Every structure is written in structure tokens, then in C-alpha cells.
């Protein structure tokens, strides 16, 4: 019924107990998960998880906040994205939250890396997974300048205003809601959750981070996307089943290459 459109189940704390995690996904009617890459050094782990489990997919990219890692060029990303379980480019984007005394001019490397990912996505034909934190205006500007709307994708773990959501929607992007939407003080985000068009809505965990209520403060995992789905369903006045169908259909339509790999298995493998 539900799909976790963004998680990091290769990371320590999750990666060593994958059969347990997949069993709990099945128990909560979470049929699929997208394990998202954050740097090329750990890409082999991400691909190993996706290869081992029929209902887990992968992406390829370098997180905007990761420094002192292998810097990909367009050709390298294109080659890596050809793996049959890779369905997206990212996560990529901009993150100015931790400037550590640096000016925005000194963050030019992030902006160039972001442009590289967009260019690779346009060539490969695979959608983008975009992370933006304290950098929404620059993120949208670069998306427009590089033609990101031609390939589309998702603004993952969305925490921005409705105005930013509208701008992303106009660029052919989906809005993905994480466990943050369940937090008591997330009133503005809950308003966004009510207003996103149903055909552009996704849900995620971003596990092992940002566990939803009632698990807040604990290690997050893909099965908890069911709690995100039930919460968003209540906000929108629909049943969890309807919300699950909508967001799952959106996932498979956006990440269209998943259909060539597998469609809803009955149980984890």
C-alpha cells in the first residue's frame, strides 16, 4: 500500500539488520523502498542492498553537504546511473545550513556539483532527488537555469513554505513529506501537505533520520512511512488506503524505470 520514496538503509544501524527491516515493512504494508546514495564511496553498499532485495531500488549521487569525497562529473554519473536498479540521480541540491563561517561565495562548489547532477539527469533520462536546506532560492534558480523541469523529480523531505512548493511544482517536481510533517510544531508544513496536488505527492522516511511521531527521537526505518502516510491521509481527509494508492502510483510513475525491474512483490525477499 505504501512506498518509502527515500531512505538510507545501507547505513550503520540499519544495514546490518535488513531482513528484519524488510519483514517489518511487509507487516506494515510498505511494499517498496528507494535507498538513496549520498556519496560515491558508499554507492557499492547502496547497490548491494538494491541487488539483494527485489523491492528495493537505488539512486546515484553526492549529497550537497558531503565534503572531501569523490567529486563526480557528468559522464561518471551517467555511467553509474545505467545500473538496472538505479532509478534516479541524487540526492543532490544545496545545503547552506552549516556554513561554518564561510560566505555563500565560498559555497560555489556546491552549486557546481548541483549543476553537474542536473546535467547528468537530463542526459540519462532519470529524475532528480533534490535536497535543499537554507538555500531554497538558489536551489530553484539553478533548477531553472539548468532546465531541471525537463526531467523532473522530487523535492525530498520537504520543509519549505507553500510558495517554494508552488515554484517546485511549476518546475515539474513532486513534493515528498517525511516524518517532520507529524511534529506538533510543523503547522506550516502540514498546510503544504493539505495543498499539494494529489498527483505530485510522495511520502518518505529519510531513515535512519527524522522518525515520525510516535517514534520521534528513535532510529527511523522504512516501515514507519506507514505512520507518515496515515498522518497525511488524516490531514487531507482521505483514507490511508487512498493515500497509499495515490503516493505509490506517483512513485512508480515518477521513477518509471522501476516498472521495468519489478512491480509490487507479495513479500520481502
Protein backbone atom coordinates (compact mmCIF):
# COMPACT_ATOMS: atom_id res chain seq x y z
CA UNK A 1 0.00 0.00 0.00
CA UNK A 2 2.80 2.45 0.91
CA UNK A 3 6.21 3.13 -0.66
CA UNK A 4 9.14 4.71 1.17
CA UNK A 5 10.41 7.04 -1.54
CA UNK A 6 13.63 7.98 0.29
CA UNK A 7 15.67 6.07 2.85
CA UNK A 8 19.28 5.18 3.65
CA UNK A 9 19.03 1.58 4.80
CA UNK A 10 22.64 0.85 3.86
CA UNK A 11 23.87 2.98 6.77
CA UNK A 12 25.09 1.57 10.09
CA UNK A 13 22.23 0.77 12.42
CA UNK A 14 20.04 -0.39 9.56
CA UNK A 15 22.29 -2.11 7.03
CA UNK A 16 23.21 -4.96 9.35
CA UNK A 17 19.57 -5.92 10.02
CA UNK A 18 17.98 -5.70 6.61
CA UNK A 19 15.90 -8.91 6.76
CA UNK A 20 14.28 -7.63 9.95
CA UNK A 21 13.57 -4.23 8.38
CA UNK A 22 12.07 -5.78 5.25
CA UNK A 23 9.86 -8.07 7.33
CA UNK A 24 8.52 -5.08 9.28
CA UNK A 25 7.91 -3.24 6.01
CA UNK A 26 5.80 -6.15 4.84
CA UNK A 27 3.86 -6.22 8.13
CA UNK A 28 3.03 -2.52 7.72
CA UNK A 29 2.07 -2.89 4.03
CA UNK A 30 5.11 -0.97 2.83
CA UNK A 31 5.81 -2.64 -0.48
CA UNK A 32 8.93 -0.85 -1.79
CA UNK A 33 11.75 1.46 -0.75
CA UNK A 34 14.24 3.66 -2.58
CA UNK A 35 17.70 3.51 -0.98
CA UNK A 36 19.32 6.84 -1.78
CA UNK A 37 23.02 7.34 -2.40
CA UNK A 38 24.86 10.20 -0.66
CA UNK A 39 28.41 9.71 -1.98
CA UNK A 40 30.23 7.50 -4.46
CA UNK A 41 32.31 5.89 -1.75
CA UNK A 42 29.21 4.18 -0.32
CA UNK A 43 27.47 3.58 -3.65
CA UNK A 44 28.58 -0.10 -3.69
CA UNK A 45 26.68 -0.62 -0.41
CA UNK A 46 23.56 1.03 -1.83
CA UNK A 47 23.69 -1.11 -4.97
CA UNK A 48 24.31 -4.26 -2.93
CA UNK A 49 21.12 -3.64 -0.95
CA UNK A 50 19.11 -2.97 -4.11
CA UNK A 51 20.52 -6.05 -5.82
CA UNK A 52 19.76 -8.25 -2.82
CA UNK A 53 16.10 -7.23 -2.47
CA UNK A 54 13.67 -7.17 -5.35
CA UNK A 55 11.55 -4.40 -3.83
CA UNK A 56 14.43 -2.01 -3.05
CA UNK A 57 15.68 0.47 -5.64
CA UNK A 58 18.72 2.74 -5.70
CA UNK A 59 19.91 6.18 -6.79
CA UNK A 60 23.34 7.59 -7.56
CA UNK A 61 24.63 10.96 -6.44
CA UNK A 62 26.65 13.02 -3.96
CA UNK A 63 24.87 14.87 -1.15
CA UNK A 64 25.42 18.65 -1.19
CA UNK A 65 26.69 18.61 2.39
CA UNK A 66 29.38 15.96 1.81
CA UNK A 67 32.88 17.38 1.51
CA UNK A 68 36.20 15.63 0.90
CA UNK A 69 34.58 12.91 -1.19
CA UNK A 70 34.93 11.84 -4.80
CA UNK A 71 33.57 14.62 -7.00
CA UNK A 72 31.62 13.15 -9.93
CA UNK A 73 31.49 14.58 -13.40
CA UNK A 74 28.54 14.26 -15.75
CA UNK A 75 29.93 11.26 -17.62
CA UNK A 76 30.63 9.34 -14.42
CA UNK A 77 27.11 9.85 -13.13
CA UNK A 78 25.64 8.78 -16.46
CA UNK A 79 27.66 5.57 -16.48
CA UNK A 80 26.74 4.75 -12.88
CA UNK A 81 23.07 5.51 -13.47
CA UNK A 82 22.89 2.75 -16.09
CA UNK A 83 22.76 0.09 -13.36
CA UNK A 84 19.35 -1.63 -13.72
CA UNK A 85 18.26 -0.89 -10.14
CA UNK A 86 19.21 2.81 -10.28
CA UNK A 87 16.06 4.84 -10.86
CA UNK A 88 17.19 8.39 -10.02
CA UNK A 89 20.05 10.88 -9.83
CA UNK A 90 20.74 12.22 -6.35
CA UNK A 91 20.44 13.10 -3.73
CA UNK A 92 21.73 16.44 -4.87
CA UNK A 93 20.89 20.09 -4.27
CA UNK A 94 22.13 22.80 -1.93
CA UNK A 95 22.62 22.96 1.83
CA UNK A 96 23.71 26.24 3.39
CA UNK A 97 22.64 25.28 6.93
CA UNK A 98 26.18 24.70 8.17
CA UNK A 99 28.27 27.43 6.60
CA UNK A 100 30.90 27.19 9.39
CA UNK A 101 31.88 30.81 8.90
CA UNK A 102 32.05 30.59 5.11
CA UNK A 103 30.33 33.03 2.79
CA UNK A 104 27.87 31.97 0.11
CA UNK A 105 30.55 32.76 -2.47
CA UNK A 106 32.70 30.10 -0.82
CA UNK A 107 29.92 27.55 -1.41
CA UNK A 108 30.31 27.73 -5.19
CA UNK A 109 31.47 24.08 -5.20
CA UNK A 110 28.00 23.03 -4.01
CA UNK A 111 26.33 24.93 -6.81
CA UNK A 112 28.63 23.43 -9.43
CA UNK A 113 28.04 19.93 -8.08
CA UNK A 114 24.29 20.54 -8.27
CA UNK A 115 24.56 21.65 -11.89
CA UNK A 116 26.56 18.51 -12.70
CA UNK A 117 23.81 16.30 -11.32
CA UNK A 118 21.07 18.11 -13.24
CA UNK A 119 23.01 17.78 -16.47
CA UNK A 120 23.55 14.07 -15.85
CA UNK A 121 19.86 13.58 -15.12
CA UNK A 122 18.86 15.27 -18.36
CA UNK A 123 21.17 13.02 -20.38
CA UNK A 124 20.35 9.79 -18.54
CA UNK A 125 16.61 10.44 -18.52
CA UNK A 126 16.37 9.63 -14.82
CA UNK A 127 14.64 12.05 -12.42
CA UNK A 128 16.35 14.09 -9.74
CA UNK A 129 16.16 13.72 -5.97
CA UNK A 130 16.73 17.21 -4.60
CA UNK A 131 17.74 18.20 -1.08
CA UNK A 132 17.50 21.87 -0.14
CA UNK A 133 18.14 23.39 3.28
CA UNK A 134 18.51 27.10 4.00
CA UNK A 135 19.07 27.53 0.24
CA UNK A 136 15.66 27.47 -1.43
CA UNK A 137 16.10 30.50 -3.68
CA UNK A 138 19.45 29.39 -5.06
CA UNK A 139 18.13 25.84 -5.46
CA UNK A 140 15.18 27.00 -7.56
CA UNK A 141 17.34 29.41 -9.56
CA UNK A 142 19.78 26.69 -10.57
CA UNK A 143 16.92 24.29 -11.34
CA UNK A 144 15.53 26.89 -13.77
CA UNK A 145 18.90 27.77 -15.29
CA UNK A 146 19.81 24.11 -15.90
CA UNK A 147 16.42 23.03 -17.22
CA UNK A 148 15.68 20.62 -14.37
CA UNK A 149 11.99 20.85 -15.20
CA UNK A 150 12.63 18.95 -18.43
CA UNK A 151 13.41 15.79 -16.47
CA UNK A 152 11.54 16.47 -13.20
CA UNK A 153 11.98 14.71 -9.91
CA UNK A 154 11.22 15.20 -6.24
CA UNK A 155 11.93 17.76 -3.55
CA UNK A 156 12.68 15.27 -0.82
CA UNK A 157 11.99 15.76 2.90
CA UNK A 158 10.22 19.00 2.05
CA UNK A 159 10.19 21.59 4.86
CA UNK A 160 9.78 24.86 2.95
CA UNK A 161 6.82 27.22 2.52
CA UNK A 162 3.85 26.77 0.21
CA UNK A 163 5.37 29.44 -2.07
CA UNK A 164 8.50 27.34 -2.52
CA UNK A 165 6.35 24.25 -3.06
CA UNK A 166 4.40 26.07 -5.79
CA UNK A 167 7.63 27.06 -7.53
CA UNK A 168 8.89 23.46 -7.43
CA UNK A 169 5.57 22.13 -8.69
CA UNK A 170 5.75 24.58 -11.59
CA UNK A 171 9.12 23.02 -12.47
CA UNK A 172 7.57 19.56 -12.81
CA UNK A 173 8.70 18.34 -9.38
CA UNK A 174 6.94 16.25 -6.75
CA UNK A 175 6.81 17.11 -3.06
CA UNK A 176 7.82 14.38 -0.61
CA UNK A 177 6.83 14.55 3.05
CA UNK A 178 8.84 12.91 5.80
CA UNK A 179 8.15 12.29 9.48
CA UNK A 180 8.69 16.00 10.13
CA UNK A 181 5.11 16.59 8.99
CA UNK A 182 3.89 14.71 12.09
CA UNK A 183 5.71 17.02 14.52
CA UNK A 184 3.47 19.20 16.67
CA UNK A 185 5.12 22.47 15.62
CA UNK A 186 5.09 21.71 11.86
CA UNK A 187 1.92 23.68 11.19
CA UNK A 188 3.13 25.41 8.02
CA UNK A 189 4.32 22.10 6.60
CA UNK A 190 1.01 20.48 7.45
CA UNK A 191 -0.68 23.22 5.42
CA UNK A 192 1.60 22.33 2.49
CA UNK A 193 0.64 18.67 2.95
CA UNK A 194 -3.03 19.57 2.53
CA UNK A 195 -2.42 21.66 -0.59
CA UNK A 196 -0.03 19.61 -2.73
CA UNK A 197 -1.92 18.23 -5.77
CA UNK A 198 -2.59 14.54 -5.27
CA UNK A 199 -0.69 13.58 -8.44
CA UNK A 200 2.52 15.23 -7.13
CA UNK A 201 2.57 13.87 -3.58
CA UNK A 202 5.11 11.38 -2.18
CA UNK A 203 5.93 10.16 1.33
CA UNK A 204 9.24 9.01 2.81
CA UNK A 205 11.15 8.29 5.99
CA UNK A 206 14.67 9.59 5.22
CA UNK A 207 15.60 6.81 7.65
CA UNK A 208 17.57 6.41 9.83
CA UNK A 209 16.79 10.08 10.49
CA UNK A 210 13.63 12.03 11.44
CA UNK A 211 11.39 9.30 12.81
CA UNK A 212 7.73 10.33 12.84
CA UNK A 213 5.51 10.58 15.88
CA UNK A 214 5.14 8.28 17.87
CA UNK A 215 8.76 7.18 17.27
CA UNK A 216 10.34 10.64 17.35
CA UNK A 217 13.87 10.50 18.71
CA UNK A 218 14.33 6.84 17.81
CA UNK A 219 16.10 5.32 14.81
CA UNK A 220 13.82 5.67 11.81
CA UNK A 221 13.13 2.81 9.39
CA UNK A 222 11.07 2.27 6.20
CA UNK A 223 8.12 0.63 7.96
CA UNK A 224 7.43 3.96 9.69
CA UNK A 225 6.44 5.51 6.37
CA UNK A 226 3.04 3.97 7.12
CA UNK A 227 2.75 6.39 10.06
CA UNK A 228 3.62 9.30 7.78
CA UNK A 229 1.01 8.09 5.30
CA UNK A 230 -1.73 7.75 7.90
CA UNK A 231 -0.99 11.22 9.27
CA UNK A 232 -1.02 12.86 5.83
CA UNK A 233 -4.20 10.98 4.94
CA UNK A 234 -5.93 12.46 8.00
CA UNK A 235 -4.73 15.96 7.08
CA UNK A 236 -6.15 15.57 3.58
CA UNK A 237 -9.41 13.94 4.68
CA UNK A 238 -8.85 10.68 2.80
CA UNK A 239 -8.38 7.10 3.92
CA UNK A 240 -4.89 5.69 4.46
CA UNK A 241 -5.64 3.22 1.68
CA UNK A 242 -6.42 6.02 -0.76
CA UNK A 243 -3.33 7.98 0.27
CA UNK A 244 -1.23 4.84 -0.11
CA UNK A 245 -2.55 4.13 -3.60
CA UNK A 246 -2.01 7.72 -4.70
CA UNK A 247 1.55 8.07 -3.41
CA UNK A 248 2.55 4.60 -4.62
CA UNK A 249 1.16 5.28 -8.10
CA UNK A 250 3.03 8.60 -8.11
CA UNK A 251 6.26 6.84 -7.14
CA UNK A 252 6.06 4.33 -9.98
CA UNK A 253 5.07 6.99 -12.50
CA UNK A 254 7.93 9.31 -11.50
CA UNK A 255 10.57 6.60 -11.26
CA UNK A 256 9.28 4.95 -14.42
CA UNK A 257 12.28 2.67 -14.84
CA UNK A 258 11.18 0.79 -11.72
CA UNK A 259 8.38 -0.73 -13.76
CA UNK A 260 10.95 -2.47 -15.94
CA UNK A 261 12.53 -4.03 -12.85
CA UNK A 262 9.63 -5.14 -10.64
CA UNK A 263 6.15 -4.13 -9.55
CA UNK A 264 4.71 -4.95 -6.05
CA UNK A 265 6.01 -8.25 -4.75
CA UNK A 266 3.88 -10.09 -2.22
CA UNK A 267 6.63 -10.27 0.38
CA UNK A 268 10.19 -9.15 1.02
CA UNK A 269 12.92 -11.31 -0.44
